[in-house]
Amino acid sequence: MNTIADFIPPILVAQGIFWILVLITLSGAVMAVVPAKIVHNVLGLAQSMFGVAGIYLYLGSQFVSMMQLLIYVGAICVTYIFAIMLSPPMELGGEKPVLFKMVLALLTSVVTFIALVVMLIKTQWAPLAAPGRDWTAKTLGQVLLTRYFLVFELISLVLVVAIIGAIMVTNLGVSRERK
């Protein structure tokens, strides 16, 4: 009995999946920058982060992939949506774009891009060292909850403080509207 591997080489399928993930990531990045509506920008960011999570999964790092989905696609993009919902509409007015600021931003972006490309070209890259431990999700969880327990708890405390701060800012905005 013939299998699909007899007709399509597995390496070709793997490369196809990789390039599809790259396309999802780059199209999301473009969508995060180009549209004028900010909600579309956030959706593009979520798509781009989803593609990055797929690339991590493709590279065999399931834990980092799931953290990418939970933290960036889940938490960060949802936080951006809440911030958009709590902010005043853009139609009410605001400052108009200034040509000088736009040119300065473009110039800064180009200089930063050139500096990064030069750095990447001139860096002497060392070969990847062999991993010393089995870094599965189970091992990582055990290390986080034993050796790095205090750091793990401090991060959760920082998240709680951030949530409380967001609630206070929201209540401050509501109390200003009532006045």
N, C-alpha and C. Protein backbone atom coordinates (compact mmCIF):
# COMPACT_ATOMS: atom_id res chain seq x y z
N MET A 1 0.84 -1.19 0.00
CA MET A 1 0.00 0.00 0.00
C MET A 1 0.88 1.24 0.00
N ASN A 2 0.54 2.14 -0.86
CA ASN A 2 1.31 3.38 -0.97
C ASN A 2 0.85 4.39 0.08
N THR A 3 1.83 5.13 0.61
CA THR A 3 1.52 6.22 1.54
C THR A 3 1.79 7.54 0.83
N ILE A 4 1.40 8.59 1.47
CA ILE A 4 1.61 9.91 0.87
C ILE A 4 3.10 10.22 0.77
N ALA A 5 3.92 9.63 1.66
CA ALA A 5 5.37 9.85 1.62
C ALA A 5 5.99 9.26 0.36
N ASP A 6 5.31 8.31 -0.27
CA ASP A 6 5.82 7.75 -1.52
C ASP A 6 5.66 8.74 -2.67
N PHE A 7 4.70 9.63 -2.58
CA PHE A 7 4.44 10.59 -3.65
C PHE A 7 5.07 11.96 -3.39
N ILE A 8 5.03 12.39 -2.13
CA ILE A 8 5.58 13.69 -1.76
C ILE A 8 6.64 13.48 -0.70
N PRO A 9 7.87 13.89 -0.96
CA PRO A 9 8.92 13.71 0.03
C PRO A 9 8.61 14.48 1.32
N PRO A 10 8.84 13.89 2.50
CA PRO A 10 8.53 14.57 3.76
C PRO A 10 9.28 15.90 3.93
N ILE A 11 10.50 15.99 3.40
CA ILE A 11 11.24 17.25 3.53
C ILE A 11 10.53 18.36 2.76
N LEU A 12 9.89 18.03 1.65
CA LEU A 12 9.15 19.02 0.88
C LEU A 12 7.92 19.50 1.65
N VAL A 13 7.25 18.58 2.34
CA VAL A 13 6.10 18.95 3.16
C VAL A 13 6.55 19.84 4.31
N ALA A 14 7.67 19.49 4.95
CA ALA A 14 8.19 20.29 6.06
C ALA A 14 8.55 21.69 5.60
N GLN A 15 9.22 21.79 4.46
CA GLN A 15 9.56 23.10 3.93
C GLN A 15 8.32 23.90 3.56
N GLY A 16 7.33 23.24 3.02
CA GLY A 16 6.07 23.92 2.68
C GLY A 16 5.38 24.46 3.93
N ILE A 17 5.34 23.67 4.98
CA ILE A 17 4.73 24.13 6.23
C ILE A 17 5.50 25.31 6.79
N PHE A 18 6.83 25.23 6.75
CA PHE A 18 7.65 26.34 7.26
C PHE A 18 7.35 27.63 6.49
N TRP A 19 7.30 27.56 5.17
CA TRP A 19 7.07 28.77 4.38
C TRP A 19 5.64 29.29 4.53
N ILE A 20 4.69 28.41 4.78
CA ILE A 20 3.33 28.86 5.08
C ILE A 20 3.31 29.63 6.40
N LEU A 21 4.03 29.11 7.41
CA LEU A 21 4.12 29.80 8.70
C LEU A 21 4.81 31.15 8.56
N VAL A 22 5.85 31.20 7.74
CA VAL A 22 6.54 32.48 7.49
C VAL A 22 5.58 33.46 6.81
N LEU A 23 4.81 32.98 5.85
CA LEU A 23 3.84 33.83 5.16
C LEU A 23 2.78 34.35 6.13
N ILE A 24 2.29 33.49 7.02
CA ILE A 24 1.31 33.92 8.03
C ILE A 24 1.92 34.99 8.93
N THR A 25 3.17 34.78 9.35
CA THR A 25 3.83 35.73 10.23
C THR A 25 4.04 37.07 9.54
N LEU A 26 4.58 37.05 8.33
CA LEU A 26 4.86 38.31 7.63
C LEU A 26 3.60 39.04 7.20
N SER A 27 2.57 38.31 6.78
CA SER A 27 1.33 38.98 6.40
C SER A 27 0.67 39.60 7.64
N GLY A 28 0.78 38.93 8.78
CA GLY A 28 0.27 39.52 10.01
C GLY A 28 1.05 40.76 10.41
N ALA A 29 2.37 40.73 10.21
CA ALA A 29 3.19 41.90 10.53
C ALA A 29 2.81 43.09 9.64
N VAL A 30 2.56 42.82 8.36
CA VAL A 30 2.14 43.90 7.46
C VAL A 30 0.77 44.41 7.88
N MET A 31 -0.11 43.50 8.25
CA MET A 31 -1.44 43.89 8.68
C MET A 31 -1.39 44.65 10.02
N ALA A 32 -0.37 44.41 10.82
CA ALA A 32 -0.23 45.13 12.08
C ALA A 32 0.23 46.56 11.87
N VAL A 33 0.77 46.87 10.70
CA VAL A 33 1.33 48.20 10.46
C VAL A 33 0.50 49.02 9.48
N VAL A 34 -0.03 48.42 8.44
CA VAL A 34 -0.61 49.16 7.33
C VAL A 34 -2.03 49.71 7.58
N PRO A 35 -2.98 48.93 8.08
CA PRO A 35 -4.36 49.45 8.14
C PRO A 35 -4.50 50.68 9.04
N ALA A 36 -5.48 51.50 8.72
CA ALA A 36 -5.72 52.72 9.50
C ALA A 36 -6.52 52.43 10.77
N LYS A 37 -7.31 51.38 10.77
CA LYS A 37 -8.11 51.06 11.95
C LYS A 37 -7.28 50.25 12.94
N ILE A 38 -7.26 50.71 14.18
CA ILE A 38 -6.37 50.13 15.18
C ILE A 38 -6.77 48.70 15.55
N VAL A 39 -8.04 48.38 15.47
CA VAL A 39 -8.46 47.01 15.76
C VAL A 39 -7.88 46.05 14.73
N HIS A 40 -7.82 46.48 13.47
CA HIS A 40 -7.21 45.65 12.44
C HIS A 40 -5.72 45.48 12.70
N ASN A 41 -5.08 46.53 13.23
CA ASN A 41 -3.67 46.42 13.58
C ASN A 41 -3.45 45.36 14.66
N VAL A 42 -4.31 45.34 15.66
CA VAL A 42 -4.18 44.36 16.74
C VAL A 42 -4.43 42.95 16.21
N LEU A 43 -5.40 42.82 15.32
CA LEU A 43 -5.64 41.50 14.73
C LEU A 43 -4.44 41.03 13.90
N GLY A 44 -3.79 41.96 13.20
CA GLY A 44 -2.57 41.62 12.47
C GLY A 44 -1.46 41.19 13.41
N LEU A 45 -1.34 41.89 14.55
CA LEU A 45 -0.34 41.50 15.55
C LEU A 45 -0.62 40.10 16.07
N ALA A 46 -1.89 39.80 16.34
CA ALA A 46 -2.25 38.47 16.81
C ALA A 46 -1.92 37.42 15.75
N GLN A 47 -2.20 37.71 14.49
CA GLN A 47 -1.87 36.77 13.42
C GLN A 47 -0.37 36.55 13.33
N SER A 48 0.39 37.62 13.44
CA SER A 48 1.85 37.52 13.36
C SER A 48 2.39 36.69 14.53
N MET A 49 1.89 36.93 15.73
CA MET A 49 2.34 36.17 16.89
C MET A 49 1.91 34.71 16.80
N PHE A 50 0.74 34.46 16.19
CA PHE A 50 0.30 33.09 15.95
C PHE A 50 1.26 32.38 15.00
N GLY A 51 1.71 33.08 13.97
CA GLY A 51 2.69 32.50 13.05
C GLY A 51 4.01 32.22 13.73
N VAL A 52 4.45 33.12 14.61
CA VAL A 52 5.69 32.89 15.35
C VAL A 52 5.54 31.67 16.25
N ALA A 53 4.38 31.50 16.88
CA ALA A 53 4.13 30.31 17.70
C ALA A 53 4.20 29.05 16.84
N GLY A 54 3.69 29.12 15.63
CA GLY A 54 3.78 27.99 14.71
C GLY A 54 5.22 27.67 14.34
N ILE A 55 6.04 28.70 14.16
CA ILE A 55 7.45 28.47 13.84
C ILE A 55 8.16 27.82 15.03
N TYR A 56 7.84 28.28 16.26
CA TYR A 56 8.42 27.62 17.44
C TYR A 56 8.01 26.15 17.50
N LEU A 57 6.76 25.87 17.18
CA LEU A 57 6.28 24.50 17.18
C LEU A 57 7.00 23.69 16.10
N TYR A 58 7.19 24.29 14.96
CA TYR A 58 7.91 23.64 13.86
C TYR A 58 9.34 23.30 14.27
N LEU A 59 9.96 24.19 15.06
CA LEU A 59 11.33 23.96 15.50
C LEU A 59 11.44 22.98 16.66
N GLY A 60 10.30 22.50 17.15
CA GLY A 60 10.31 21.48 18.19
C GLY A 60 10.28 22.02 19.60
N SER A 61 9.93 23.27 19.78
CA SER A 61 9.87 23.86 21.11
C SER A 61 8.41 24.08 21.49
N GLN A 62 7.78 23.01 21.96
CA GLN A 62 6.36 23.06 22.25
C GLN A 62 6.05 24.04 23.39
N PHE A 63 6.90 24.06 24.42
CA PHE A 63 6.64 24.94 25.56
C PHE A 63 6.68 26.40 25.15
N VAL A 64 7.71 26.80 24.42
CA VAL A 64 7.82 28.20 24.00
C VAL A 64 6.66 28.55 23.07
N SER A 65 6.25 27.62 22.24
CA SER A 65 5.12 27.85 21.33
C SER A 65 3.83 28.11 22.11
N MET A 66 3.58 27.29 23.12
CA MET A 66 2.36 27.47 23.91
C MET A 66 2.42 28.76 24.73
N MET A 67 3.59 29.11 25.23
CA MET A 67 3.74 30.37 25.97
C MET A 67 3.53 31.56 25.03
N GLN A 68 3.99 31.43 23.80
CA GLN A 68 3.77 32.48 22.80
C GLN A 68 2.27 32.68 22.58
N LEU A 69 1.54 31.57 22.45
CA LEU A 69 0.10 31.67 22.26
C LEU A 69 -0.59 32.26 23.47
N LEU A 70 -0.25 31.76 24.66
CA LEU A 70 -0.92 32.23 25.87
C LEU A 70 -0.60 33.69 26.18
N ILE A 71 0.67 34.04 26.12
CA ILE A 71 1.08 35.37 26.55
C ILE A 71 0.83 36.41 25.47
N TYR A 72 1.34 36.20 24.28
CA TYR A 72 1.25 37.24 23.27
C TYR A 72 -0.10 37.25 22.57
N VAL A 73 -0.52 36.12 22.04
CA VAL A 73 -1.79 36.10 21.32
C VAL A 73 -2.94 36.27 22.29
N GLY A 74 -2.87 35.58 23.43
CA GLY A 74 -3.96 35.66 24.40
C GLY A 74 -3.94 36.94 25.20
N ALA A 75 -2.95 37.09 26.06
CA ALA A 75 -2.96 38.18 27.03
C ALA A 75 -2.67 39.54 26.42
N ILE A 76 -1.61 39.67 25.66
CA ILE A 76 -1.21 40.99 25.16
C ILE A 76 -2.24 41.54 24.18
N CYS A 77 -2.66 40.74 23.23
CA CYS A 77 -3.63 41.24 22.24
C CYS A 77 -4.97 41.56 22.89
N VAL A 78 -5.40 40.76 23.86
CA VAL A 78 -6.64 41.05 24.57
C VAL A 78 -6.49 42.34 25.37
N THR A 79 -5.32 42.56 25.97
CA THR A 79 -5.07 43.81 26.69
C THR A 79 -5.13 45.00 25.75
N TYR A 80 -4.58 44.87 24.57
CA TYR A 80 -4.66 45.95 23.58
C TYR A 80 -6.11 46.24 23.21
N ILE A 81 -6.90 45.20 23.03
CA ILE A 81 -8.31 45.40 22.70
C ILE A 81 -9.03 46.13 23.83
N PHE A 82 -8.75 45.75 25.09
CA PHE A 82 -9.34 46.47 26.22
C PHE A 82 -8.90 47.92 26.24
N ALA A 83 -7.63 48.18 25.96
CA ALA A 83 -7.15 49.56 25.93
C ALA A 83 -7.85 50.36 24.84
N ILE A 84 -8.10 49.74 23.70
CA ILE A 84 -8.81 50.41 22.62
C ILE A 84 -10.25 50.71 23.05
N MET A 85 -10.88 49.73 23.71
CA MET A 85 -12.26 49.93 24.13
C MET A 85 -12.37 51.03 25.19
N LEU A 86 -11.36 51.19 26.05
CA LEU A 86 -11.42 52.17 27.12
C LEU A 86 -10.95 53.56 26.70
N SER A 87 -10.31 53.67 25.56
CA SER A 87 -9.81 54.98 25.13
C SER A 87 -10.90 55.71 24.34
N PRO A 88 -10.82 57.05 24.31
CA PRO A 88 -11.83 57.81 23.56
C PRO A 88 -11.68 57.55 22.06
N PRO A 89 -12.78 57.64 21.33
CA PRO A 89 -12.72 57.39 19.88
C PRO A 89 -11.83 58.41 19.17
N MET A 90 -11.18 57.95 18.12
CA MET A 90 -10.28 58.83 17.37
C MET A 90 -11.05 59.86 16.57
N GLU A 91 -12.33 59.61 16.30
CA GLU A 91 -13.13 60.54 15.52
C GLU A 91 -13.39 61.84 16.27
N LEU A 92 -13.22 61.81 17.60
CA LEU A 92 -13.48 63.01 18.39
C LEU A 92 -12.40 64.06 18.20
N GLY A 93 -11.36 63.70 17.54
CA GLY A 93 -10.29 64.67 17.29
C GLY A 93 -9.02 64.25 18.00
N GLY A 94 -8.01 64.88 17.66
CA GLY A 94 -6.70 64.59 18.21
C GLY A 94 -5.70 65.32 17.37
N GLU A 95 -4.47 65.12 17.68
CA GLU A 95 -3.48 65.85 16.91
C GLU A 95 -3.28 65.20 15.55
N LYS A 96 -3.12 66.03 14.56
CA LYS A 96 -2.90 65.56 13.20
C LYS A 96 -1.43 65.18 13.05
N PRO A 97 -1.13 64.22 12.17
CA PRO A 97 0.27 63.84 11.97
C PRO A 97 1.08 65.01 11.43
N VAL A 98 2.25 65.18 11.98
CA VAL A 98 3.15 66.25 11.56
C VAL A 98 4.19 65.64 10.63
N LEU A 99 4.45 66.31 9.52
CA LEU A 99 5.39 65.80 8.53
C LEU A 99 6.77 65.58 9.15
N PHE A 100 7.21 66.49 10.00
CA PHE A 100 8.53 66.37 10.63
C PHE A 100 8.61 65.09 11.46
N LYS A 101 7.55 64.78 12.24
CA LYS A 101 7.56 63.57 13.06
C LYS A 101 7.57 62.32 12.19
N MET A 102 6.84 62.36 11.09
CA MET A 102 6.79 61.20 10.20
C MET A 102 8.15 60.95 9.55
N VAL A 103 8.81 62.02 9.10
CA VAL A 103 10.13 61.89 8.48
C VAL A 103 11.15 61.41 9.52
N LEU A 104 11.07 61.96 10.74
CA LEU A 104 11.98 61.54 11.80
C LEU A 104 11.79 60.07 12.16
N ALA A 105 10.54 59.62 12.21
CA ALA A 105 10.26 58.21 12.49
C ALA A 105 10.78 57.32 11.37
N LEU A 106 10.60 57.72 10.14
CA LEU A 106 11.10 56.94 9.00
C LEU A 106 12.63 56.88 9.03
N LEU A 107 13.26 58.00 9.28
CA LEU A 107 14.73 58.05 9.34
C LEU A 107 15.26 57.16 10.47
N THR A 108 14.62 57.24 11.63
CA THR A 108 15.03 56.40 12.76
C THR A 108 14.87 54.92 12.43
N SER A 109 13.77 54.57 11.79
CA SER A 109 13.54 53.18 11.41
C SER A 109 14.59 52.68 10.43
N VAL A 110 14.92 53.48 9.43
CA VAL A 110 15.92 53.08 8.43
C VAL A 110 17.29 52.92 9.08
N VAL A 111 17.68 53.87 9.93
CA VAL A 111 18.99 53.78 10.59
C VAL A 111 19.04 52.55 11.49
N THR A 112 17.97 52.29 12.24
CA THR A 112 17.93 51.10 13.10
C THR A 112 18.03 49.83 12.27
N PHE A 113 17.30 49.76 11.16
CA PHE A 113 17.34 48.59 10.29
C PHE A 113 18.75 48.37 9.74
N ILE A 114 19.38 49.42 9.28
CA ILE A 114 20.74 49.31 8.73
C ILE A 114 21.70 48.86 9.81
N ALA A 115 21.58 49.41 11.02
CA ALA A 115 22.47 49.01 12.12
C ALA A 115 22.29 47.54 12.46
N LEU A 116 21.05 47.06 12.47
CA LEU A 116 20.81 45.64 12.76
C LEU A 116 21.39 44.73 11.68
N VAL A 117 21.21 45.12 10.42
CA VAL A 117 21.74 44.31 9.32
C VAL A 117 23.26 44.27 9.38
N VAL A 118 23.91 45.42 9.63
CA VAL A 118 25.37 45.45 9.74
C VAL A 118 25.83 44.58 10.91
N MET A 119 25.12 44.66 12.04
CA MET A 119 25.47 43.84 13.19
C MET A 119 25.35 42.35 12.87
N LEU A 120 24.28 41.97 12.18
CA LEU A 120 24.09 40.57 11.83
C LEU A 120 25.18 40.08 10.88
N ILE A 121 25.60 40.92 9.96
CA ILE A 121 26.61 40.52 8.98
C ILE A 121 27.99 40.41 9.64
N LYS A 122 28.32 41.34 10.52
CA LYS A 122 29.66 41.38 11.10
C LYS A 122 29.85 40.45 12.30
N THR A 123 28.78 39.90 12.85
CA THR A 123 28.90 39.04 14.03
C THR A 123 29.49 37.69 13.63
N GLN A 124 30.45 37.25 14.41
CA GLN A 124 31.02 35.92 14.23
C GLN A 124 30.16 34.94 15.02
N TRP A 125 29.32 34.21 14.33
CA TRP A 125 28.38 33.32 15.00
C TRP A 125 29.07 32.03 15.40
N ALA A 126 28.91 31.64 16.65
CA ALA A 126 29.46 30.37 17.14
C ALA A 126 28.47 29.26 16.85
N PRO A 127 28.97 28.04 16.66
CA PRO A 127 28.02 26.94 16.44
C PRO A 127 27.18 26.68 17.69
N LEU A 128 26.00 26.18 17.47
CA LEU A 128 25.07 25.92 18.55
C LEU A 128 25.60 24.80 19.44
N ALA A 129 25.63 25.06 20.74
CA ALA A 129 26.08 24.04 21.69
C ALA A 129 24.99 23.00 21.87
N ALA A 130 25.40 21.79 22.15
CA ALA A 130 24.43 20.72 22.39
C ALA A 130 23.72 20.98 23.72
N PRO A 131 22.41 20.79 23.76
CA PRO A 131 21.70 21.03 25.01
C PRO A 131 22.16 20.07 26.11
N GLY A 132 22.30 20.61 27.31
CA GLY A 132 22.79 19.81 28.43
C GLY A 132 21.71 19.05 29.15
N ARG A 133 20.46 19.47 29.01
CA ARG A 133 19.35 18.81 29.70
C ARG A 133 18.20 18.58 28.75
N ASP A 134 17.29 17.77 29.20
CA ASP A 134 16.06 17.55 28.47
C ASP A 134 15.09 18.66 28.86
N TRP A 135 14.85 19.64 27.98
CA TRP A 135 14.00 20.78 28.30
C TRP A 135 12.59 20.58 27.78
N THR A 136 11.94 19.56 28.25
CA THR A 136 10.54 19.36 27.91
C THR A 136 9.69 20.26 28.80
N ALA A 137 8.41 20.31 28.51
CA ALA A 137 7.51 21.14 29.33
C ALA A 137 7.47 20.64 30.77
N LYS A 138 7.55 19.34 30.95
CA LYS A 138 7.53 18.76 32.31
C LYS A 138 8.76 19.20 33.08
N THR A 139 9.93 19.10 32.48
CA THR A 139 11.17 19.50 33.15
C THR A 139 11.16 21.00 33.45
N LEU A 140 10.72 21.79 32.49
CA LEU A 140 10.66 23.23 32.70
C LEU A 140 9.71 23.59 33.84
N GLY A 141 8.57 22.93 33.89
CA GLY A 141 7.62 23.17 34.98
C GLY A 141 8.20 22.80 36.33
N GLN A 142 8.91 21.69 36.38
CA GLN A 142 9.54 21.29 37.65
C GLN A 142 10.60 22.29 38.08
N VAL A 143 11.40 22.78 37.15
CA VAL A 143 12.43 23.77 37.49
C VAL A 143 11.80 25.08 37.93
N LEU A 144 10.74 25.52 37.24
CA LEU A 144 10.07 26.77 37.61
C LEU A 144 9.44 26.71 38.99
N LEU A 145 8.89 25.57 39.34
CA LEU A 145 8.18 25.46 40.61
C LEU A 145 9.06 24.95 41.75
N THR A 146 10.33 24.68 41.49
CA THR A 146 11.24 24.28 42.58
C THR A 146 12.37 25.29 42.71
N ARG A 147 13.28 25.30 41.76
CA ARG A 147 14.46 26.15 41.85
C ARG A 147 14.13 27.64 41.69
N TYR A 148 13.24 27.97 40.76
CA TYR A 148 12.90 29.36 40.48
C TYR A 148 11.52 29.73 41.02
N PHE A 149 11.13 29.13 42.13
CA PHE A 149 9.81 29.36 42.69
C PHE A 149 9.59 30.82 43.05
N LEU A 150 10.58 31.46 43.70
CA LEU A 150 10.44 32.85 44.11
C LEU A 150 10.28 33.78 42.91
N VAL A 151 11.07 33.55 41.88
CA VAL A 151 10.97 34.37 40.67
C VAL A 151 9.60 34.19 40.02
N PHE A 152 9.14 32.96 39.99
CA PHE A 152 7.82 32.65 39.41
C PHE A 152 6.73 33.39 40.17
N GLU A 153 6.81 33.40 41.50
CA GLU A 153 5.82 34.09 42.32
C GLU A 153 5.92 35.60 42.16
N LEU A 154 7.13 36.14 42.03
CA LEU A 154 7.30 37.58 41.84
C LEU A 154 6.69 38.03 40.51
N ILE A 155 6.83 37.21 39.48
CA ILE A 155 6.23 37.55 38.19
C ILE A 155 4.71 37.58 38.31
N SER A 156 4.15 36.62 39.03
CA SER A 156 2.69 36.63 39.20
C SER A 156 2.26 37.84 40.03
N LEU A 157 3.07 38.26 41.00
CA LEU A 157 2.76 39.46 41.79
C LEU A 157 2.78 40.71 40.91
N VAL A 158 3.76 40.79 40.00
CA VAL A 158 3.83 41.93 39.08
C VAL A 158 2.58 41.95 38.18
N LEU A 159 2.13 40.79 37.73
CA LEU A 159 0.92 40.74 36.90
C LEU A 159 -0.32 41.19 37.69
N VAL A 160 -0.41 40.79 38.96
CA VAL A 160 -1.54 41.22 39.79
C VAL A 160 -1.51 42.73 39.97
N VAL A 161 -0.33 43.30 40.24
CA VAL A 161 -0.21 44.75 40.40
C VAL A 161 -0.60 45.46 39.10
N ALA A 162 -0.22 44.91 37.96
CA ALA A 162 -0.58 45.51 36.67
C ALA A 162 -2.09 45.48 36.46
N ILE A 163 -2.74 44.39 36.83
CA ILE A 163 -4.19 44.29 36.68
C ILE A 163 -4.88 45.30 37.60
N ILE A 164 -4.40 45.40 38.85
CA ILE A 164 -4.99 46.36 39.78
C ILE A 164 -4.78 47.79 39.25
N GLY A 165 -3.60 48.07 38.72
CA GLY A 165 -3.34 49.39 38.14
C GLY A 165 -4.26 49.69 36.97
N ALA A 166 -4.50 48.69 36.12
CA ALA A 166 -5.41 48.89 34.98
C ALA A 166 -6.82 49.18 35.46
N ILE A 167 -7.26 48.49 36.52
CA ILE A 167 -8.60 48.73 37.07
C ILE A 167 -8.68 50.14 37.65
N MET A 168 -7.62 50.57 38.34
CA MET A 168 -7.62 51.92 38.92
C MET A 168 -7.64 52.99 37.83
N VAL A 169 -6.87 52.78 36.76
CA VAL A 169 -6.87 53.74 35.66
C VAL A 169 -8.25 53.80 35.01
N THR A 170 -8.89 52.66 34.86
CA THR A 170 -10.22 52.61 34.29
C THR A 170 -11.21 53.37 35.17
N ASN A 171 -11.15 53.13 36.46
CA ASN A 171 -12.05 53.84 37.37
C ASN A 171 -11.77 55.33 37.37
N LEU A 172 -10.51 55.73 37.22
CA LEU A 172 -10.17 57.14 37.16
C LEU A 172 -10.79 57.78 35.92
N GLY A 173 -10.75 57.07 34.79
CA GLY A 173 -11.35 57.58 33.55
C GLY A 173 -12.86 57.69 33.68
N VAL A 174 -13.50 56.72 34.33
CA VAL A 174 -14.94 56.75 34.51
C VAL A 174 -15.33 57.91 35.43
N SER A 175 -14.55 58.13 36.49
CA SER A 175 -14.88 59.23 37.41
C SER A 175 -14.68 60.59 36.74
N ARG A 176 -13.73 60.72 35.83
CA ARG A 176 -13.54 61.97 35.08
C ARG A 176 -14.72 62.23 34.15
N GLU A 177 -15.25 61.17 33.54
CA GLU A 177 -16.38 61.34 32.63
C GLU A 177 -17.63 61.78 33.37
N ARG A 178 -17.78 61.37 34.61
CA ARG A 178 -18.97 61.73 35.39
C ARG A 178 -18.96 63.19 35.81
N LYS A 179 -17.78 63.81 35.90
CA LYS A 179 -17.68 65.20 36.36
C LYS A 179 -18.16 66.18 35.34
